[in-house]
Protein backbone atom coordinates (compact mmCIF):
# COMPACT_ATOMS: atom_id res chain seq x y z
CA MET A 1 97.77 107.42 143.96
CA ILE A 2 96.04 104.39 142.44
CA ARG A 3 96.68 103.89 138.76
CA ASN A 4 93.57 103.25 136.67
CA ALA A 5 93.10 101.77 133.21
CA LEU A 6 92.42 104.14 130.31
CA THR A 7 90.97 102.35 127.28
CA VAL A 8 89.80 103.25 123.78
CA ASP A 9 87.44 101.15 121.66
CA VAL A 10 88.73 101.88 118.16
CA GLU A 11 85.70 101.84 115.88
CA ASP A 12 84.09 104.43 113.62
CA TYR A 13 80.83 106.24 114.29
CA PHE A 14 78.86 104.21 111.75
CA GLN A 15 79.86 100.90 113.35
CA VAL A 16 78.22 101.35 116.74
CA SER A 17 75.58 98.82 117.73
CA ALA A 18 72.95 101.52 118.20
CA PHE A 19 73.06 102.26 114.46
CA ALA A 20 73.01 98.63 113.28
CA ALA A 21 69.38 98.91 112.20
CA ALA A 22 70.03 102.13 110.26
CA ILE A 23 73.35 101.30 108.54
CA ASP A 24 73.86 97.95 106.84
CA ARG A 25 77.33 96.42 107.22
CA LYS A 26 77.56 95.99 103.45
CA ASP A 27 77.54 99.80 103.19
CA TRP A 28 80.49 100.34 105.53
CA GLU A 29 82.97 100.24 102.65
CA SER A 30 81.35 103.25 100.98
CA ILE A 31 81.43 105.50 104.08
CA PRO A 32 84.48 107.77 104.51
CA LEU A 33 86.52 106.85 107.57
CA ARG A 34 86.82 109.36 110.40
CA VAL A 35 88.43 106.95 112.86
CA VAL A 36 92.00 107.69 111.76
CA ASP A 37 91.93 111.44 112.39
CA ASN A 38 89.97 111.03 115.62
CA THR A 39 92.31 108.35 116.98
CA GLN A 40 95.32 110.46 116.11
CA ARG A 41 93.78 113.35 118.05
CA LEU A 42 93.52 111.06 121.05
CA LEU A 43 97.11 109.94 120.59
CA GLN A 44 98.23 113.56 120.66
CA LEU A 45 96.15 114.29 123.76
CA PHE A 46 97.63 111.28 125.53
CA ALA A 47 101.16 112.24 124.45
CA ASP A 48 100.67 115.77 125.75
CA SER A 49 99.38 114.36 129.04
CA ARG A 50 102.08 111.66 129.20
CA VAL A 51 99.63 108.81 129.71
CA LYS A 52 99.48 105.38 128.14
CA ALA A 53 96.28 103.55 127.29
CA THR A 54 94.92 100.30 125.91
CA PHE A 55 93.39 100.52 122.44
CA PHE A 56 90.86 97.74 121.73
CA VAL A 57 90.99 97.80 117.94
CA LEU A 58 88.20 96.50 115.73
CA GLY A 59 89.57 94.01 113.21
CA TRP A 60 87.61 95.60 110.35
CA VAL A 61 89.40 98.89 111.05
CA ALA A 62 92.82 97.28 111.47
CA GLU A 63 92.48 95.48 108.14
CA ARG A 64 91.86 98.75 106.29
CA VAL A 65 94.24 101.09 108.13
CA PRO A 66 97.04 98.93 109.57
CA GLU A 67 99.27 101.99 109.73
CA LEU A 68 97.00 103.39 112.45
CA VAL A 69 97.53 100.25 114.56
CA ARG A 70 101.29 100.55 114.08
CA GLU A 71 101.11 104.20 115.16
CA ILE A 72 99.26 103.26 118.33
CA ALA A 73 101.89 100.66 119.19
CA ALA A 74 104.78 102.98 118.26
CA GLU A 75 103.47 105.53 120.76
CA GLY A 76 103.88 102.94 123.50
CA HIS A 77 100.22 102.04 123.99
CA GLU A 78 98.85 98.54 124.40
CA VAL A 79 97.01 97.10 121.40
CA ALA A 80 94.14 94.75 122.27
CA CYS A 81 91.30 93.14 120.34
CA HIS A 82 87.73 94.40 119.87
CA GLY A 83 86.61 91.55 117.64
CA TYR A 84 86.19 91.90 113.90
CA SER A 85 82.69 92.92 112.80
CA HIS A 86 81.28 94.61 115.93
CA GLU A 87 78.44 92.12 115.95
CA LEU A 88 76.93 91.51 119.39
CA VAL A 89 78.36 88.24 120.69
CA TYR A 90 75.00 86.77 121.71
CA ASN A 91 73.74 87.32 118.15
CA GLN A 92 76.55 85.19 116.70
CA ARG A 93 76.88 81.45 116.39
CA PRO A 94 79.84 80.18 118.43
CA GLU A 95 81.72 79.04 115.33
CA VAL A 96 81.35 82.45 113.65
CA PHE A 97 82.49 84.17 116.83
CA ARG A 98 85.50 81.82 117.04
CA GLN A 99 86.51 82.50 113.43
CA GLU A 100 86.18 86.26 113.77
CA THR A 101 88.00 86.37 117.09
CA ILE A 102 90.97 84.34 115.89
CA ARG A 103 91.06 86.32 112.65
CA SER A 104 91.18 89.64 114.50
CA LYS A 105 93.81 88.55 117.02
CA SER A 106 96.05 87.18 114.27
CA LEU A 107 95.59 90.31 112.17
CA LEU A 108 96.62 92.61 115.01
CA GLU A 109 99.61 90.46 115.94
CA ASP A 110 100.78 90.38 112.34
CA ILE A 111 100.58 94.19 112.21
CA ILE A 112 102.42 94.99 115.46
CA GLN A 113 104.55 91.82 115.71
CA VAL A 114 103.85 91.31 119.43
CA PRO A 115 101.27 89.15 121.23
CA VAL A 116 97.79 90.53 121.90
CA TYR A 117 96.52 89.54 125.35
CA GLY A 118 93.33 91.54 125.89
CA TYR A 119 89.83 91.33 124.45
CA ARG A 120 86.67 93.44 124.67
CA ALA A 121 83.37 92.40 123.08
CA ALA A 122 81.25 94.72 120.97
CA SER A 123 78.95 96.66 123.31
CA TYR A 124 80.05 94.51 126.27
CA SER A 125 77.90 91.69 124.91
CA ILE A 126 79.24 88.85 127.02
CA THR A 127 76.14 88.16 129.11
CA HIS A 128 74.37 85.12 130.53
CA ARG A 129 73.39 84.35 126.93
CA SER A 130 76.98 84.25 125.69
CA LEU A 131 79.19 82.95 128.50
CA TRP A 132 80.34 80.28 126.03
CA ALA A 133 82.44 83.05 124.44
CA LEU A 134 84.78 82.97 127.43
CA ASP A 135 85.85 79.46 126.40
CA VAL A 136 86.64 80.74 122.93
CA LEU A 137 88.74 83.59 124.32
CA CYS A 138 90.80 81.14 126.37
CA GLU A 139 91.23 78.82 123.39
CA ALA A 140 92.36 81.75 121.23
CA GLY A 141 95.10 82.66 123.71
CA PHE A 142 93.69 85.75 125.37
CA THR A 143 94.65 86.09 129.02
CA TYR A 144 92.32 88.90 130.05
CA ASP A 145 88.91 90.20 129.08
CA SER A 146 87.09 93.49 129.67
CA SER A 147 83.59 92.76 128.38
CA ILE A 148 81.49 92.22 131.50
CA PHE A 149 79.40 95.10 132.87
CA PRO A 150 78.00 94.20 136.33
CA ILE A 151 74.71 96.04 135.72
CA ARG A 152 71.30 95.58 134.08
CA HIS A 153 70.98 97.17 130.64
CA ASP A 154 68.84 96.62 127.57
CA ARG A 155 71.83 95.49 125.50
CA TYR A 156 74.44 94.16 127.95
CA GLY A 157 75.18 93.42 131.58
CA LEU A 158 75.82 90.56 133.99
CA PRO A 159 74.12 91.66 137.23
CA GLY A 160 75.64 90.29 140.39
CA SER A 161 79.07 89.64 138.88
CA PRO A 162 82.16 91.04 140.68
CA GLU A 163 82.77 94.78 140.48
CA TYR A 164 86.57 94.73 140.56
CA PRO A 165 89.27 92.80 138.64
CA TYR A 166 89.21 89.08 139.34
CA THR A 167 90.04 85.67 137.91
CA LEU A 168 86.98 83.97 136.48
CA GLU A 169 86.45 80.39 135.44
CA SER A 170 85.10 79.87 131.95
CA PRO A 171 82.30 77.31 131.42
CA ASN A 172 84.81 74.62 130.52
CA GLY A 173 87.02 75.37 133.54
CA GLN A 174 89.76 77.60 132.12
CA ALA A 175 91.04 80.65 133.99
CA LEU A 176 90.71 84.15 132.53
CA THR A 177 91.36 87.50 134.17
CA GLU A 178 88.36 89.83 133.99
CA PHE A 179 88.56 93.62 134.26
CA PRO A 180 84.86 94.49 134.60
CA LEU A 181 83.52 97.86 133.52
CA SER A 182 83.37 100.21 136.48
CA THR A 183 80.33 100.93 138.60
CA ALA A 184 79.79 102.95 141.79
CA ASN A 185 77.20 103.10 144.54
CA ILE A 186 75.54 106.50 144.30
CA LEU A 187 72.44 107.29 146.38
CA GLY A 188 71.84 103.59 146.87
CA TYR A 189 71.98 102.73 143.18
CA ARG A 190 74.62 100.76 141.30
CA LEU A 191 75.50 103.21 138.52
CA PRO A 192 77.84 102.64 135.57
CA VAL A 193 80.67 105.19 135.67
CA ALA A 194 83.12 103.57 133.24
CA GLY A 195 82.92 106.23 130.53
CA GLY A 196 81.36 106.52 127.09
CA GLY A 197 77.78 107.71 127.00
CA TYR A 198 77.56 107.73 130.80
CA PHE A 199 80.47 110.18 130.96
CA ARG A 200 78.65 112.42 128.49
CA LEU A 201 75.30 112.09 130.25
CA TYR A 202 76.35 112.77 133.85
CA PRO A 203 77.71 116.12 135.03
CA TYR A 204 81.48 115.78 135.38
CA ARG A 205 81.29 116.01 139.18
CA VAL A 206 79.08 112.89 139.27
CA SER A 207 81.57 110.87 137.20
CA LYS A 208 84.46 112.12 139.30
CA PHE A 209 82.64 111.26 142.53
CA GLY A 210 81.84 107.74 141.37
CA LEU A 211 85.33 107.03 140.08
CA SER A 212 86.92 108.52 143.20
CA GLN A 213 84.72 106.24 145.29
CA ILE A 214 86.29 103.22 143.60
CA ASN A 215 89.81 104.50 144.29
CA ARG A 216 88.94 105.35 147.92
CA LYS A 217 87.98 101.70 148.37
CA GLY A 218 91.47 100.77 147.19
CA HIS A 219 90.59 99.55 143.71
CA PRO A 220 91.49 100.79 140.21
CA PHE A 221 88.71 101.66 137.80
CA ILE A 222 88.62 101.12 134.06
CA PHE A 223 87.50 103.96 131.79
CA TYR A 224 86.50 103.59 128.14
CA LEU A 225 85.89 105.96 125.26
CA HIS A 226 85.57 105.89 121.47
CA PRO A 227 87.40 108.05 118.92
CA TRP A 228 84.06 109.32 117.56
CA GLU A 229 83.22 110.81 120.97
CA ILE A 230 85.64 113.70 120.39
CA ASP A 231 84.10 114.39 116.96
CA PRO A 232 80.96 116.55 117.36
CA SER A 233 80.96 117.37 113.63
CA GLN A 234 80.45 113.73 112.56
CA PRO A 235 77.53 113.02 110.19
CA ARG A 236 74.10 112.51 111.75
CA VAL A 237 72.52 109.09 111.22
CA ALA A 238 68.76 108.71 110.74
CA ALA A 239 68.32 106.20 113.56
CA ARG A 240 65.72 105.87 116.30
CA TRP A 241 65.47 108.94 118.53
CA PHE A 242 66.81 107.14 121.62
CA SER A 243 69.80 105.76 119.71
CA ARG A 244 70.52 109.24 118.38
CA TYR A 245 70.29 110.67 121.88
CA ARG A 246 72.68 108.10 123.31
CA HIS A 247 75.17 108.67 120.55
CA TYR A 248 75.14 112.45 120.08
CA ASN A 249 74.43 113.69 123.60
CA ASN A 250 77.13 116.14 124.77
CA LEU A 251 79.72 115.18 122.14
CA ASN A 252 80.86 118.80 122.23
CA LYS A 253 81.79 118.44 125.92
CA PHE A 254 83.58 115.11 125.82
CA GLU A 255 87.13 116.14 124.97
CA THR A 256 87.21 118.87 127.61
CA ARG A 257 85.88 116.48 130.23
CA LEU A 258 88.40 113.83 129.19
CA SER A 259 91.27 116.29 129.64
CA ARG A 260 90.00 117.07 133.16
CA LEU A 261 89.73 113.39 133.96
CA ILE A 262 93.32 112.76 132.92
CA GLU A 263 94.42 115.61 135.19
CA ASP A 264 92.37 114.37 138.15
CA PHE A 265 93.38 110.69 138.10
CA SER A 266 96.41 108.51 137.41
CA PHE A 267 96.20 106.26 134.34
CA GLY A 268 98.02 103.45 132.59
CA ASN A 269 97.10 100.64 130.23
CA ALA A 270 94.89 97.75 131.30
CA MET A 271 97.60 95.10 131.17
CA ASP A 272 99.94 97.06 133.45
CA VAL A 273 97.15 97.84 135.93
CA LEU A 274 96.21 94.17 136.14
CA ASP A 275 99.84 93.19 136.53
CA GLY A 276 100.12 95.66 139.42
CA LEU A 277 97.27 93.81 141.13
CA GLY A 278 99.13 90.53 140.82
CA LEU A 279 96.75 89.31 138.10
CA ARG A 280 99.39 88.43 135.54
CA VAL A 281 98.22 88.54 131.95
CA ASN A 282 101.36 87.75 129.93
């Protein structure tokens, strides 16, 4: 059975890009954190299922609850970087992105006392507009990235890019392993099946079919989720109706579906899956 990558983007509900227009970053400090309890629930689920995952931790979260990062590492999971402020990469100046990225990587490494190799951009925002960020990741010492979604979307996507793990060349010629977010060919359409809101939107059988298709072709898929997705009682944010729909749709079904997914497929962390493909990342 092919082993796939199970990943968690560790951020709180009020930090998602869809709510950026409704919640100012300066107000984050005054909002009670729910990310600790929700992440610990995931840790227990993974322990009960005997699976290991990669946790892409937001630097802002790690700075405020370093004990949570230590708990993730102590449970045997991989700790990776999700940037610092959850700002979309293409909305940042390169120097700001560089400072935040190095700050977050150093913070995580100081907390867990081991190197951090993996990176994932906020909302998969490495696109044609921000390919320069790949140079920064190489300079900062990351060896793999999981930020590129080979689809068209209003907020992210790099259509036409490879669908399966590969070695890319950054604009300045450096090598970086890419684990793109998973897509499948369903009824002639290239559909995202990597998790998150798509996993909540589709019936479970559709997600399972798409992910199984990837494995039948001999490739591993990568699946992502957020701690807030197992928290249907989280506060409701007064955002645009479409943002609210994307965020709150089927939250009450997510944890049950996730448990089924873990039963139906084999999982490990992203670094080990890439290593198994001969794409060494450490």
